[in-house]
Amino acid sequence: MRLEERPVGSSPQPVAAKSTIASTSQHLGDATHLDRI
């Protein structure tokens, strides 16, 4: 599952969406993957 492929740019609040993805990523143990965004 690739989180970076989610339509973040389509969101009216890309920053809020990015925080949601970051929170989800931490639950998946992929926190380091978010550092590349």
C-alpha atoms as a PDB file:
ATOM      1  CA  MET A   1       0.000   0.000   0.000  1.00  0.00           C
ATOM      2  CA  ARG A   2       1.542   3.267  -1.150  1.00  0.00           C
ATOM      3  CA  LEU A   3       0.339   6.218   0.932  1.00  0.00           C
ATOM      4  CA  GLU A   4       2.036   8.771  -1.328  1.00  0.00           C
ATOM      5  CA  GLU A   5      -0.320   7.775  -4.160  1.00  0.00           C
ATOM      6  CA  ARG A   6      -3.337   9.090  -2.291  1.00  0.00           C
ATOM      7  CA  PRO A   7      -4.920  12.215  -3.852  1.00  0.00           C
ATOM      8  CA  VAL A   8      -3.456  14.645  -1.339  1.00  0.00           C
ATOM      9  CA  GLY A   9      -3.396  17.474  -3.899  1.00  0.00           C
ATOM     10  CA  SER A  10      -7.139  17.015  -4.449  1.00  0.00           C
ATOM     11  CA  SER A  11      -7.808  17.747  -0.798  1.00  0.00           C
ATOM     12  CA  PRO A  12      -8.985  21.290   0.083  1.00  0.00           C
ATOM     13  CA  GLN A  13      -6.543  21.122   3.002  1.00  0.00           C
ATOM     14  CA  PRO A  14      -3.376  19.335   1.793  1.00  0.00           C
ATOM     15  CA  VAL A  15      -1.612  20.085   5.083  1.00  0.00           C
ATOM     16  CA  ALA A  16      -4.384  18.446   7.107  1.00  0.00           C
ATOM     17  CA  ALA A  17      -4.398  15.472   4.744  1.00  0.00           C
ATOM     18  CA  LYS A  18      -0.624  15.175   5.074  1.00  0.00           C
ATOM     19  CA  SER A  19      -0.960  15.077   8.865  1.00  0.00           C
ATOM     20  CA  THR A  20      -3.572  12.341   8.557  1.00  0.00           C
ATOM     21  CA  ILE A  21      -1.268  10.311   6.338  1.00  0.00           C
ATOM     22  CA  ALA A  22       1.613  10.891   8.751  1.00  0.00           C
ATOM     23  CA  SER A  23      -0.524   9.643  11.634  1.00  0.00           C
ATOM     24  CA  THR A  24      -1.595   6.597   9.626  1.00  0.00           C
ATOM     25  CA  SER A  25       1.999   5.955   8.609  1.00  0.00           C
ATOM     26  CA  GLN A  26       3.131   5.887  12.236  1.00  0.00           C
ATOM     27  CA  HIS A  27       0.507   3.253  13.007  1.00  0.00           C
ATOM     28  CA  LEU A  28       1.866   1.171  10.147  1.00  0.00           C
ATOM     29  CA  GLY A  29       5.415   1.615  11.421  1.00  0.00           C
ATOM     30  CA  ASP A  30       6.333   3.551   8.268  1.00  0.00           C
ATOM     31  CA  ALA A  31       7.241   6.854   9.951  1.00  0.00           C
ATOM     32  CA  THR A  32      10.582   6.946   8.137  1.00  0.00           C
ATOM     33  CA  HIS A  33       8.768   6.688   4.791  1.00  0.00           C
ATOM     34  CA  LEU A  34       6.952   9.953   5.542  1.00  0.00           C
ATOM     35  CA  ASP A  35      10.252  11.807   5.949  1.00  0.00           C
ATOM     36  CA  ARG A  36      10.759  11.551   2.180  1.00  0.00           C
ATOM     37  CA  ILE A  37       7.640  13.628   1.456  1.00  0.00           C
END
